[in-house]
Amino acid sequence: MVQTQFNGSELVVKALKALEVEYIFGYPGGSVLDLYDALFQQSDIEHVLVRHEQAATHMADGYARATGEVGVVLATSGPGATNCITGIATAYMDSIPMVVLSGQVPSNLIGDDAFQETDIVGCSRPIVKHSFNCRSAEEIPTVLAKAFYLANSGRPGPVVVELPKDILNPQLKFEFKMPNQIEMRTYNPSVKGHGKQIKKAVEAILNAKRLVIYSGGGVVLSDTSDKLKELVETLNAPITNTLMGLGGISGTHPNFIGMLGMHGSVEANKAMANADVILALGARFDDRVTNNVKKFCPNATIVHVDVDPTSISKTIKAHIPVVGCLATVFDQLLSAINASSERIDRAAQEVWWEEITKWRAQKCLAYETNPEVLKPQTVIEKVYEITNGDAYVCSDVGQHQMFAAQYYPFKNPRQWINSGGLGTMGFGLPAAMGVKMAFPENEVLCVTGDGSIQMNIQELSTCLQYGLAVKIISLNNRSLGMVRQWQDMQYGGRHSSSYMESLPDFVALAESYGHIGIKVDSPDQLDEALEKAFSINDRLVFLDIRVDEKEHVYPMQIKLGAVDDMWLKKGVKA
């Protein structure tokens, strides 16, 4: 007999199946036990049991970044929901599609300070794209369909869906009605750029003498890297990426002039500062790019393309704003450029490239080696070599993150997974786990530090349960490296609470969780350790690599300066 009536928990599961969800990352608790029971009685959706709800959000986040699909989280009410807050904010800052299903106390107890009650909708309101309070089981399919549509359209972002315990009651049955189409009167993201603005943009681009293309995470999220490459090569323009935009064009492409911003390349920052036209694509001119906004590229005409109108002219005035989906706007720009009677001044462009080549000649990423001390830059270069640049690289936040961004040239979009906007320590390992769930046959790395890895290290247990054979590359400098660097540069070397005076034996710790640990104490051990680690494909390997604790990340923008005011190394300006 065909089942035609379903309880609230079954409606959630059926809706998620209709939305083609493969994985849910979560942790059970009282308010969602009925839903967990419904998940137990089916096999199409796999639930991944984490050891902390924050890790569930980061796993879903990593999964979403790598696949482009919506990551799904399930948490119980109260502390389960509030443990998700950091991960929700991380996804919000980087525009990552995520749906967080949060349990709630029964509807009649809401507002009574019931056991494990928290207003998760209120708590998360500033850091979500939207929230839903489900108040009846019948509306669950429609609410979930809307949540997924909102999360993954326009500018993506996290959506919270609150599910009170009473609407999941297994005794109450309802008909399953999944909407065929979602229409929301107050939500209509722009798709096509305005024709007049496209015309103005193309005119500025073709008349530029010193054009720079500045692409951000929007190119990656919109899966338009092929169109970006076509535009770059059509114009023969220099291109720089933000931290979030790395992989939008191959790091080895001849037109790529390096990452932009605080720890960007000299040639990228100098090119931006001296440009007469900047074409910004899916980027938001955040403070880690602009440095002092009053000194930012004063002689440039700025063409800013973004799907989110609130991002345009938010910090830097756009002379030519274009609101629209990048997939469509790229086609509009390329079509208009090819149809235009105007042509780029190739002679002026050649002079521009000669100038950029001189900045490149400074070799700003060169560093001094020491046979006695292992440099973190060397580790990343060696990892790049042994993986042939093909690995998914997830990072935590700090010096190791910047070294990975600088010394691992990313070939493809969605290959570089990091918390760019919020800067969340503890993100790297669970994000790598989410990527590994999506692509079990691919090499997935977590580049981390001795501070960051300890924030969600309990997930080594989850890795064992689900056979997630990620490689953890821990650059162990016995300190909070980026904090220590700032204290060196701005606080007279007063290292207030930045040194880790006691650390675990990470090798023994990894082994206690059932994994393989390898320690590297000196430069001469690195090659052999990497060869051993990367010969193992069916086990998680934790590489505890002792690196120079005094090393700084360079180049580095000078505080409150222009975009190209930079330290090339200690005491030396670019």
Protein backbone atom coordinates (compact mmCIF):
# COMPACT_ATOMS: atom_id res chain seq x y z
CA MET A 1 0.00 0.00 0.00
CA VAL A 2 1.37 3.41 -1.02
CA GLN A 3 1.81 5.82 1.87
CA THR A 4 -0.04 9.09 1.27
CA GLN A 5 0.04 10.69 4.73
CA PHE A 6 3.25 11.67 6.53
CA ASN A 7 4.21 13.14 9.88
CA GLY A 8 6.26 16.32 10.18
CA SER A 9 9.60 14.53 10.42
CA GLU A 10 8.81 12.43 7.36
CA LEU A 11 7.81 15.58 5.50
CA VAL A 12 11.25 17.07 6.26
CA VAL A 13 12.98 13.95 4.92
CA LYS A 14 10.78 13.76 1.81
CA ALA A 15 11.36 17.43 1.06
CA LEU A 16 15.14 17.05 1.45
CA LYS A 17 15.07 14.06 -0.90
CA ALA A 18 13.08 16.08 -3.45
CA LEU A 19 15.76 18.78 -3.13
CA GLU A 20 18.40 16.11 -3.91
CA VAL A 21 20.22 16.35 -0.59
CA GLU A 22 22.88 13.65 -0.14
CA TYR A 23 24.34 14.52 3.25
CA ILE A 24 23.20 16.13 6.46
CA PHE A 25 25.86 17.15 8.98
CA GLY A 26 24.58 17.24 12.52
CA TYR A 27 24.28 16.20 16.14
CA PRO A 28 21.10 14.87 17.82
CA GLY A 29 19.23 16.20 20.81
CA GLY A 30 15.83 16.09 22.44
CA SER A 31 13.89 18.47 20.19
CA VAL A 32 14.89 16.70 16.96
CA LEU A 33 14.79 13.03 17.99
CA ASP A 34 11.63 12.45 15.95
CA LEU A 35 13.46 13.75 12.89
CA TYR A 36 16.47 11.55 13.65
CA ASP A 37 14.14 8.56 13.84
CA ALA A 38 12.76 9.42 10.39
CA LEU A 39 16.31 9.68 9.03
CA PHE A 40 17.12 6.25 10.51
CA GLN A 41 14.26 4.67 8.58
CA GLN A 42 15.53 5.70 5.13
CA SER A 43 18.79 5.25 3.22
CA ASP A 44 18.86 7.94 0.53
CA ILE A 45 20.27 10.70 2.74
CA GLU A 46 23.34 10.02 4.87
CA HIS A 47 23.61 11.72 8.22
CA VAL A 48 27.17 12.52 9.32
CA LEU A 49 27.55 12.55 13.09
CA VAL A 50 30.06 15.23 14.10
CA ARG A 51 31.43 15.73 17.60
CA HIS A 52 30.46 19.42 17.87
CA GLU A 53 27.78 21.41 16.04
CA GLN A 54 30.24 24.09 14.96
CA ALA A 55 32.06 21.37 13.03
CA ALA A 56 28.76 20.39 11.37
CA THR A 57 28.39 23.89 9.96
CA HIS A 58 32.00 23.95 8.72
CA MET A 59 31.61 20.50 7.14
CA ALA A 60 28.47 21.66 5.35
CA ASP A 61 30.32 24.85 4.38
CA GLY A 62 33.31 22.97 2.93
CA TYR A 63 30.98 20.62 1.09
CA ALA A 64 29.09 23.59 -0.38
CA ARG A 65 32.24 25.46 -1.43
CA ALA A 66 33.68 22.44 -3.19
CA THR A 67 30.49 21.28 -4.93
CA GLY A 68 28.38 24.39 -5.40
CA GLU A 69 25.47 22.56 -3.73
CA VAL A 70 23.66 23.67 -0.60
CA GLY A 71 25.21 22.34 2.62
CA VAL A 72 22.69 21.07 5.17
CA VAL A 73 23.05 21.15 8.97
CA LEU A 74 20.82 19.66 11.64
CA ALA A 75 21.07 20.68 15.29
CA THR A 76 18.90 20.48 18.36
CA SER A 77 17.47 23.48 20.17
CA GLY A 78 19.29 25.71 22.65
CA PRO A 79 23.03 24.96 22.89
CA GLY A 80 22.96 22.81 19.77
CA ALA A 81 21.64 25.72 17.75
CA THR A 82 23.89 28.33 19.36
CA ASN A 83 26.93 26.15 18.70
CA CYS A 84 26.15 26.67 15.01
CA ILE A 85 26.42 30.46 15.20
CA THR A 86 30.13 30.75 14.32
CA GLY A 87 29.69 28.48 11.31
CA ILE A 88 26.62 30.38 10.14
CA ALA A 89 28.54 33.66 10.37
CA THR A 90 31.47 32.10 8.49
CA ALA A 91 29.18 31.08 5.64
CA TYR A 92 27.40 34.43 5.65
CA MET A 93 30.61 36.45 5.31
CA ASP A 94 31.77 34.36 2.35
CA SER A 95 28.34 33.99 0.69
CA ILE A 96 28.15 30.20 1.04
CA PRO A 97 24.82 28.41 0.44
CA MET A 98 23.74 26.59 3.60
CA VAL A 99 20.47 25.56 5.22
CA VAL A 100 20.53 25.05 8.99
CA LEU A 101 17.66 23.00 10.40
CA SER A 102 17.31 23.89 14.06
CA GLY A 103 15.11 22.17 16.55
CA GLN A 104 13.00 24.22 18.92
CA VAL A 105 10.94 23.56 22.04
CA PRO A 106 7.21 22.88 21.47
CA SER A 107 5.29 25.88 20.17
CA ASN A 108 3.27 26.29 23.37
CA LEU A 109 6.49 26.64 25.41
CA ILE A 110 8.23 29.19 23.20
CA GLY A 111 8.94 32.28 25.26
CA ASP A 112 8.70 30.46 28.60
CA ASP A 113 12.45 29.87 29.00
CA ALA A 114 11.81 26.15 28.60
CA PHE A 115 14.62 23.62 28.87
CA GLN A 116 17.05 24.12 25.96
CA GLU A 117 15.10 27.03 24.52
CA THR A 118 16.96 29.73 22.62
CA ASP A 119 15.59 32.17 20.07
CA ILE A 120 17.87 30.94 17.30
CA VAL A 121 16.09 33.04 14.69
CA GLY A 122 16.74 36.16 16.76
CA CYS A 123 20.31 35.12 17.59
CA SER A 124 21.22 34.49 13.98
CA ARG A 125 19.25 37.28 12.32
CA PRO A 126 22.28 39.54 11.55
CA ILE A 127 24.23 36.65 9.98
CA VAL A 128 21.72 34.89 7.76
CA LYS A 129 20.24 35.64 4.39
CA HIS A 130 16.81 34.74 5.75
CA SER A 131 15.11 32.78 8.54
CA PHE A 132 11.92 30.74 8.70
CA ASN A 133 9.80 29.86 11.74
CA CYS A 134 7.85 26.73 10.82
CA ARG A 135 4.62 26.75 12.75
CA SER A 136 2.80 23.83 11.13
CA ALA A 137 3.84 20.54 9.59
CA GLU A 138 1.89 21.24 6.39
CA GLU A 139 4.15 24.16 5.48
CA ILE A 140 7.44 22.23 5.88
CA PRO A 141 7.91 21.26 2.18
CA THR A 142 7.21 24.79 0.97
CA VAL A 143 9.43 26.38 3.61
CA LEU A 144 12.33 24.06 2.78
CA ALA A 145 11.93 24.68 -0.95
CA LYS A 146 12.06 28.43 -0.30
CA ALA A 147 15.03 28.04 2.03
CA PHE A 148 17.07 26.18 -0.60
CA TYR A 149 16.09 28.63 -3.32
CA LEU A 150 17.14 31.59 -1.20
CA ALA A 151 20.37 29.96 -0.05
CA ASN A 152 21.62 29.24 -3.58
CA SER A 153 20.30 32.09 -5.71
CA GLY A 154 21.39 35.68 -6.16
CA ARG A 155 24.16 36.27 -3.66
CA PRO A 156 24.22 32.91 -1.83
CA GLY A 157 24.13 32.62 1.93
CA PRO A 158 22.93 30.66 4.97
CA VAL A 159 19.26 30.24 5.82
CA VAL A 160 17.95 29.06 9.21
CA VAL A 161 14.78 26.96 9.46
CA GLU A 162 13.37 26.58 12.98
CA LEU A 163 11.38 23.39 13.63
CA PRO A 164 9.42 23.27 16.92
CA LYS A 165 9.18 19.77 18.38
CA ASP A 166 5.40 19.57 18.17
CA ILE A 167 5.26 19.94 14.38
CA LEU A 168 7.55 16.91 14.06
CA ASN A 169 5.15 14.77 16.10
CA PRO A 170 5.11 11.26 14.56
CA GLN A 171 1.42 10.80 15.49
CA LEU A 172 0.10 13.64 13.29
CA LYS A 173 -0.11 12.89 9.55
CA PHE A 174 -0.41 15.22 6.55
CA GLU A 175 -0.27 15.16 2.76
CA PHE A 176 3.09 15.85 1.12
CA LYS A 177 2.88 18.82 -1.27
CA MET A 178 6.19 19.99 -2.75
CA PRO A 179 5.90 23.21 -4.78
CA ASN A 180 6.86 22.88 -8.44
CA GLN A 181 8.13 26.44 -8.61
CA ILE A 182 9.23 29.04 -6.08
CA GLU A 183 8.03 32.61 -6.44
CA MET A 184 8.71 35.21 -3.77
CA ARG A 185 7.22 38.62 -4.43
CA THR A 186 9.84 40.50 -2.41
CA TYR A 187 12.85 38.57 -3.70
CA ASN A 188 13.86 38.95 -7.33
CA PRO A 189 17.66 39.01 -7.74
CA SER A 190 18.91 40.74 -10.86
CA VAL A 191 20.20 38.50 -13.61
CA LYS A 192 20.95 40.71 -16.60
CA GLY A 193 23.09 43.83 -16.39
CA HIS A 194 21.48 47.09 -17.50
CA GLY A 195 22.22 47.69 -21.18
CA LYS A 196 23.36 51.30 -20.72
CA GLN A 197 25.71 50.32 -17.92
CA ILE A 198 27.17 47.50 -20.01
CA LYS A 199 27.78 49.98 -22.81
CA LYS A 200 29.52 52.41 -20.44
CA ALA A 201 31.61 49.59 -18.97
CA VAL A 202 32.79 48.37 -22.37
CA GLU A 203 33.62 51.90 -23.49
CA ALA A 204 35.77 52.42 -20.36
CA ILE A 205 37.47 49.03 -20.78
CA LEU A 206 38.34 49.54 -24.44
CA ASN A 207 39.66 53.06 -23.86
CA ALA A 208 41.81 52.06 -20.90
CA LYS A 209 45.58 52.44 -21.09
CA ARG A 210 46.26 50.61 -17.80
CA LEU A 211 43.40 48.19 -17.27
CA VAL A 212 43.35 45.73 -14.35
CA ILE A 213 40.77 42.99 -13.84
CA TYR A 214 40.07 42.37 -10.15
CA SER A 215 38.05 39.21 -9.53
CA GLY A 216 36.67 37.90 -6.26
CA GLY A 217 34.80 35.00 -4.76
CA GLY A 218 31.75 35.75 -6.89
CA VAL A 219 33.51 34.32 -9.93
CA VAL A 220 34.12 31.06 -8.07
CA LEU A 221 30.62 30.86 -6.62
CA SER A 222 28.97 31.56 -9.97
CA ASP A 223 31.07 28.94 -11.79
CA THR A 224 32.17 31.49 -14.39
CA SER A 225 35.94 30.95 -14.37
CA ASP A 226 35.93 29.84 -18.02
CA LYS A 227 34.24 33.08 -19.00
CA LEU A 228 36.68 35.06 -16.87
CA LYS A 229 39.58 33.39 -18.70
CA GLU A 230 37.99 34.22 -22.04
CA LEU A 231 37.58 37.87 -21.06
CA VAL A 232 41.16 38.11 -19.75
CA GLU A 233 42.57 36.62 -22.93
CA THR A 234 40.33 38.68 -25.22
CA LEU A 235 41.58 41.86 -23.55
CA ASN A 236 45.10 40.54 -22.76
CA ALA A 237 44.60 42.26 -19.42
CA PRO A 238 46.47 41.67 -16.15
CA ILE A 239 44.27 39.96 -13.59
CA THR A 240 44.48 39.76 -9.82
CA ASN A 241 42.34 37.70 -7.44
CA THR A 242 41.19 38.31 -3.91
CA LEU A 243 41.87 35.64 -1.29
CA MET A 244 38.37 34.28 -1.94
CA GLY A 245 38.83 34.47 -5.69
CA LEU A 246 41.97 32.33 -5.95
CA GLY A 247 41.49 29.63 -8.56
CA GLY A 248 39.08 31.84 -10.52
CA ILE A 249 41.88 31.84 -13.04
CA SER A 250 44.83 29.47 -12.91
CA GLY A 251 47.65 30.67 -10.67
CA THR A 252 50.04 29.76 -13.48
CA HIS A 253 48.23 31.76 -16.19
CA PRO A 254 50.63 34.31 -17.73
CA ASN A 255 48.16 37.17 -17.16
CA PHE A 256 47.77 36.38 -13.46
CA ILE A 257 49.75 38.89 -11.42
CA GLY A 258 49.16 37.37 -8.00
CA MET A 259 46.81 37.78 -5.11
CA LEU A 260 45.67 41.25 -4.16
CA GLY A 261 45.55 42.91 -0.77
CA MET A 262 47.16 42.83 2.65
CA HIS A 263 49.50 39.95 1.80
CA GLY A 264 49.14 40.21 -1.94
CA SER A 265 51.93 40.44 -4.48
CA VAL A 266 53.78 43.69 -5.13
CA GLU A 267 52.86 43.55 -8.82
CA ALA A 268 49.14 43.10 -8.08
CA ASN A 269 48.96 45.95 -5.58
CA LYS A 270 51.16 48.23 -7.69
CA ALA A 271 49.07 47.52 -10.78
CA MET A 272 45.87 48.38 -8.93
CA ALA A 273 47.35 51.59 -7.56
CA ASN A 274 48.47 52.71 -11.02
CA ALA A 275 45.48 51.52 -13.06
CA ASP A 276 43.31 53.93 -14.99
CA VAL A 277 40.40 51.45 -15.18
CA ILE A 278 39.61 48.67 -12.70
CA LEU A 279 37.08 46.03 -13.69
CA ALA A 280 35.89 44.47 -10.42
CA LEU A 281 34.00 41.20 -10.85
CA GLY A 282 32.20 39.55 -7.93
CA ALA A 283 34.38 41.30 -5.35
CA ARG A 284 33.37 43.58 -2.49
CA PHE A 285 36.37 45.89 -1.91
CA ASP A 286 36.81 44.67 1.64
CA ASP A 287 39.32 46.22 4.02
CA ARG A 288 41.90 43.46 3.46
CA VAL A 289 42.10 44.67 -0.15
CA THR A 290 41.69 48.42 0.04
CA ASN A 291 43.87 49.34 3.04
CA ASN A 292 43.10 53.07 3.54
CA VAL A 293 39.95 53.74 1.49
CA LYS A 294 40.83 57.45 1.21
CA LYS A 295 44.01 56.51 -0.66
CA PHE A 296 42.57 53.68 -2.73
CA CYS A 297 43.34 53.89 -6.46
CA PRO A 298 42.51 57.61 -6.79
CA ASN A 299 43.12 57.79 -10.54
CA ALA A 300 41.09 54.77 -11.57
CA THR A 301 37.64 54.57 -13.12
CA ILE A 302 35.98 51.70 -11.28
CA VAL A 303 33.58 49.37 -13.06
CA HIS A 304 31.96 47.17 -10.40
CA VAL A 305 29.92 44.09 -11.36
CA ASP A 306 28.05 42.22 -8.63
CA VAL A 307 24.79 40.36 -8.19
CA ASP A 308 24.26 42.11 -4.85
CA PRO A 309 23.41 45.80 -5.29
CA THR A 310 24.21 46.53 -1.64
CA SER A 311 27.86 45.56 -2.24
CA ILE A 312 28.31 48.17 -4.95
CA SER A 313 29.70 51.53 -3.71
CA LYS A 314 29.48 50.22 -0.13
CA THR A 315 33.12 51.09 0.63
CA ILE A 316 34.57 52.32 -2.68
CA LYS A 317 32.50 54.40 -5.07
CA ALA A 318 31.79 52.65 -8.36
CA HIS A 319 31.84 55.02 -11.33
CA ILE A 320 30.08 52.43 -13.47
CA PRO A 321 27.93 50.02 -11.40
CA VAL A 322 26.56 46.89 -13.07
CA VAL A 323 24.10 44.77 -11.09
CA GLY A 324 23.59 41.27 -12.41
CA CYS A 325 24.51 37.62 -12.37
CA LEU A 326 28.10 37.16 -13.52
CA ALA A 327 27.20 34.30 -15.86
CA THR A 328 24.94 36.67 -17.81
CA VAL A 329 27.07 39.81 -17.46
CA PHE A 330 30.18 38.04 -18.79
CA ASP A 331 28.23 37.14 -21.93
CA GLN A 332 27.00 40.71 -22.25
CA LEU A 333 30.51 42.15 -21.85
CA LEU A 334 32.14 39.72 -24.29
CA SER A 335 29.41 40.21 -26.88
CA ALA A 336 29.64 44.01 -26.63
CA ILE A 337 33.46 43.99 -26.77
CA ASN A 338 33.49 41.79 -29.87
CA ALA A 339 30.80 43.90 -31.55
CA SER A 340 32.41 47.26 -30.77
CA SER A 341 34.14 49.31 -33.45
CA GLU A 342 36.58 50.52 -30.78
CA ARG A 343 39.74 48.56 -30.16
CA ILE A 344 42.19 48.41 -27.29
CA ASP A 345 45.30 50.57 -27.63
CA ARG A 346 47.76 47.68 -27.90
CA ALA A 347 50.80 49.96 -27.88
CA ALA A 348 49.72 51.50 -24.55
CA GLN A 349 48.96 48.04 -23.26
CA GLU A 350 52.46 46.85 -24.14
CA VAL A 351 53.95 49.73 -22.12
CA TRP A 352 51.64 48.77 -19.24
CA TRP A 353 52.82 45.15 -19.33
CA GLU A 354 56.45 46.29 -19.35
CA GLU A 355 55.80 48.21 -16.16
CA ILE A 356 54.13 45.21 -14.53
CA THR A 357 57.06 43.03 -15.58
CA LYS A 358 59.42 45.35 -13.70
CA TRP A 359 57.34 44.96 -10.54
CA ARG A 360 57.32 41.19 -11.04
CA ALA A 361 61.11 41.26 -11.26
CA GLN A 362 61.24 42.20 -7.56
CA LYS A 363 60.26 38.57 -6.84
CA CYS A 364 58.31 39.59 -3.79
CA LEU A 365 57.71 35.99 -2.67
CA ALA A 366 61.43 35.17 -2.48
CA TYR A 367 62.56 34.26 1.02
CA GLU A 368 65.77 33.35 2.81
CA THR A 369 66.29 29.68 3.56
CA ASN A 370 68.20 28.21 6.48
CA PRO A 371 69.57 24.64 6.52
CA GLU A 372 68.97 24.47 10.25
CA VAL A 373 65.39 25.76 10.34
CA LEU A 374 62.43 24.72 8.19
CA LYS A 375 60.61 27.61 6.56
CA PRO A 376 56.81 27.37 6.25
CA GLN A 377 57.03 28.62 2.67
CA THR A 378 59.20 25.62 1.80
CA VAL A 379 56.61 23.23 3.22
CA ILE A 380 53.84 24.65 1.02
CA GLU A 381 56.08 24.61 -2.07
CA LYS A 382 56.96 20.96 -1.42
CA VAL A 383 53.31 20.05 -0.86
CA TYR A 384 52.44 21.75 -4.16
CA GLU A 385 55.10 19.71 -5.93
CA ILE A 386 54.09 16.35 -4.49
CA THR A 387 50.38 16.95 -5.26
CA ASN A 388 51.12 18.42 -8.70
CA GLY A 389 48.89 21.32 -7.68
CA ASP A 390 45.78 19.12 -7.93
CA ALA A 391 44.71 18.86 -4.27
CA TYR A 392 41.78 20.54 -2.60
CA VAL A 393 43.42 22.79 -0.04
CA CYS A 394 41.46 23.78 3.05
CA SER A 395 43.00 26.10 5.60
CA ASP A 396 42.43 27.51 9.00
CA VAL A 397 43.23 31.16 9.68
CA GLY A 398 46.60 32.75 10.30
CA GLN A 399 50.07 32.72 8.82
CA HIS A 400 49.65 29.22 7.43
CA GLN A 401 46.58 30.42 5.51
CA MET A 402 48.55 33.21 3.86
CA PHE A 403 51.50 30.95 3.06
CA ALA A 404 49.13 28.48 1.41
CA ALA A 405 47.49 31.28 -0.60
CA GLN A 406 50.86 32.63 -1.73
CA TYR A 407 52.83 29.46 -2.45
CA TYR A 408 50.22 26.99 -3.76
CA PRO A 409 49.14 28.27 -7.20
CA PHE A 410 45.55 27.10 -7.60
CA LYS A 411 44.68 25.71 -11.01
CA ASN A 412 40.93 25.54 -10.62
CA PRO A 413 37.99 27.22 -8.90
CA ARG A 414 36.60 25.61 -5.73
CA GLN A 415 40.04 24.11 -5.05
CA TRP A 416 40.91 26.64 -2.31
CA ILE A 417 38.62 26.42 0.74
CA ASN A 418 39.18 28.98 3.50
CA SER A 419 37.35 31.36 5.81
CA GLY A 420 38.13 34.68 4.14
CA GLY A 421 35.59 37.07 5.60
CA LEU A 422 35.12 35.99 9.21
CA GLY A 423 38.59 34.49 9.64
CA THR A 424 37.44 31.48 11.66
CA MET A 425 40.04 29.41 13.45
CA GLY A 426 38.90 25.80 13.66
CA PHE A 427 37.38 25.93 10.16
CA GLY A 428 40.04 23.96 8.29
CA LEU A 429 39.66 20.37 9.51
CA PRO A 430 35.86 20.07 9.36
CA ALA A 431 35.82 21.94 6.02
CA ALA A 432 38.32 19.43 4.64
CA MET A 433 36.09 16.64 5.94
CA GLY A 434 33.13 18.09 4.05
CA VAL A 435 35.18 18.25 0.86
CA LYS A 436 36.35 14.66 1.36
CA MET A 437 32.75 13.51 1.77
CA ALA A 438 31.99 15.07 -1.61
CA PHE A 439 35.14 13.86 -3.37
CA PRO A 440 36.45 10.75 -1.60
CA GLU A 441 38.88 9.88 -4.41
CA ASN A 442 40.58 13.28 -4.45
CA GLU A 443 43.49 14.46 -2.33
CA VAL A 444 42.15 16.82 0.32
CA LEU A 445 44.51 18.79 2.56
CA CYS A 446 43.99 20.76 5.75
CA VAL A 447 46.75 23.35 6.09
CA THR A 448 46.65 24.50 9.68
CA GLY A 449 48.64 25.70 12.67
CA ASP A 450 49.15 24.48 16.20
CA GLY A 451 46.60 27.02 17.45
CA SER A 452 43.84 26.53 14.91
CA ILE A 453 43.90 22.74 14.79
CA GLN A 454 43.08 22.47 18.48
CA MET A 455 39.79 24.35 18.09
CA ASN A 456 37.98 21.44 16.42
CA ILE A 457 40.47 18.62 16.93
CA GLN A 458 37.72 16.40 18.34
CA GLU A 459 36.63 15.85 14.73
CA LEU A 460 39.51 13.41 14.33
CA SER A 461 36.98 11.00 15.85
CA THR A 462 34.46 11.76 13.09
CA CYS A 463 37.18 11.22 10.48
CA LEU A 464 37.78 7.71 11.80
CA GLN A 465 34.09 6.82 11.90
CA TYR A 466 33.54 7.85 8.27
CA GLY A 467 36.95 6.92 6.86
CA LEU A 468 37.82 10.49 5.87
CA ALA A 469 41.47 10.19 4.81
CA VAL A 470 42.43 13.85 4.72
CA LYS A 471 46.02 15.03 5.07
CA ILE A 472 46.61 17.49 7.91
CA ILE A 473 49.62 19.74 7.25
CA SER A 474 50.23 21.49 10.56
CA LEU A 475 52.81 24.29 10.43
CA ASN A 476 53.78 24.16 14.08
CA ASN A 477 55.50 27.37 15.22
CA ARG A 478 54.51 27.01 18.87
CA SER A 479 52.53 30.22 18.74
CA LEU A 480 49.60 32.11 17.32
CA GLY A 481 51.76 33.14 14.40
CA MET A 482 49.83 36.04 12.92
CA VAL A 483 49.14 37.51 16.35
CA ARG A 484 52.83 37.22 17.16
CA GLN A 485 53.75 38.88 13.84
CA TRP A 486 51.55 41.88 14.59
CA GLN A 487 53.01 42.08 18.06
CA ASP A 488 56.50 42.10 16.52
CA MET A 489 55.56 44.85 14.10
CA GLN A 490 53.28 47.08 16.17
CA TYR A 491 53.82 46.28 19.84
CA GLY A 492 57.59 46.29 20.15
CA GLY A 493 57.86 42.52 20.24
CA ARG A 494 55.76 42.20 23.39
CA HIS A 495 54.25 38.74 22.88
CA SER A 496 51.18 38.99 25.06
CA SER A 497 49.42 35.59 25.18
CA SER A 498 50.58 34.55 21.71
CA TYR A 499 52.97 31.72 22.63
CA MET A 500 51.65 28.21 23.23
CA GLU A 501 53.61 27.27 26.32
CA SER A 502 52.18 23.76 26.38
CA LEU A 503 51.23 21.74 23.33
CA PRO A 504 50.14 18.12 23.02
CA ASP A 505 52.18 15.49 21.24
CA PHE A 506 50.18 15.78 18.02
CA VAL A 507 51.55 12.51 16.65
CA ALA A 508 50.48 10.58 19.74
CA LEU A 509 47.16 12.44 19.75
CA ALA A 510 46.46 11.52 16.12
CA GLU A 511 47.38 7.91 16.83
CA SER A 512 45.09 7.85 19.87
CA TYR A 513 42.21 8.67 17.50
CA GLY A 514 43.24 5.77 15.24
CA HIS A 515 45.15 7.77 12.62
CA ILE A 516 48.75 8.05 11.45
CA GLY A 517 51.01 10.75 12.88
CA ILE A 518 54.31 11.91 11.42
CA LYS A 519 56.63 14.44 13.05
CA VAL A 520 59.07 16.65 11.14
CA ASP A 521 61.64 18.46 13.26
CA SER A 522 64.21 19.59 10.67
CA PRO A 523 64.49 20.46 6.95
CA ASP A 524 66.24 17.21 6.06
CA GLN A 525 63.22 15.17 7.22
CA LEU A 526 60.60 16.94 5.10
CA ASP A 527 60.87 15.15 1.74
CA GLU A 528 60.79 11.67 3.25
CA ALA A 529 57.88 12.58 5.52
CA LEU A 530 55.84 13.97 2.63
CA GLU A 531 56.56 10.95 0.45
CA LYS A 532 55.40 8.64 3.21
CA ALA A 533 52.28 10.68 3.96
CA PHE A 534 51.18 10.95 0.33
CA SER A 535 51.77 7.25 -0.31
CA ILE A 536 48.94 6.54 2.15
CA ASN A 537 45.46 6.92 0.63
CA ASP A 538 43.18 5.07 3.02
CA ARG A 539 44.10 6.66 6.36
CA LEU A 540 44.12 10.15 7.79
CA VAL A 541 47.69 11.39 8.17
CA PHE A 542 48.63 14.16 10.61
CA LEU A 543 51.92 15.85 9.71
CA ASP A 544 53.23 17.84 12.67
CA ILE A 545 55.88 20.02 11.02
CA ARG A 546 58.05 22.22 13.20
CA VAL A 547 58.73 25.48 11.33
CA ASP A 548 60.61 28.69 12.03
CA GLU A 549 58.68 30.43 14.78
CA LYS A 550 60.13 33.84 13.90
CA GLU A 551 59.06 33.85 10.26
CA HIS A 552 56.72 36.61 9.06
CA VAL A 553 54.33 36.70 6.13
CA TYR A 554 55.47 39.11 3.43
CA PRO A 555 54.66 41.17 1.44
CA MET A 556 52.39 43.06 3.80
CA GLN A 557 50.52 46.31 3.35
CA ILE A 558 51.59 49.15 5.61
CA LYS A 559 48.76 50.09 7.94
CA LEU A 560 46.66 53.09 6.81
CA GLY A 561 48.67 53.41 3.60
CA ALA A 562 47.63 53.14 -0.03
CA VAL A 563 46.97 49.76 -1.59
CA ASP A 564 50.59 49.57 -2.80
CA ASP A 565 52.30 50.81 0.38
CA MET A 566 53.95 47.54 1.40
CA TRP A 567 56.66 45.91 3.42
CA LEU A 568 58.65 43.62 1.15
CA LYS A 569 60.44 42.08 4.12
CA LYS A 570 61.42 43.17 7.63
CA GLY A 571 62.33 46.85 7.45
CA VAL A 572 62.28 46.96 3.62
CA LYS A 573 59.53 48.75 1.70
CA ALA A 574 58.50 47.68 -1.78
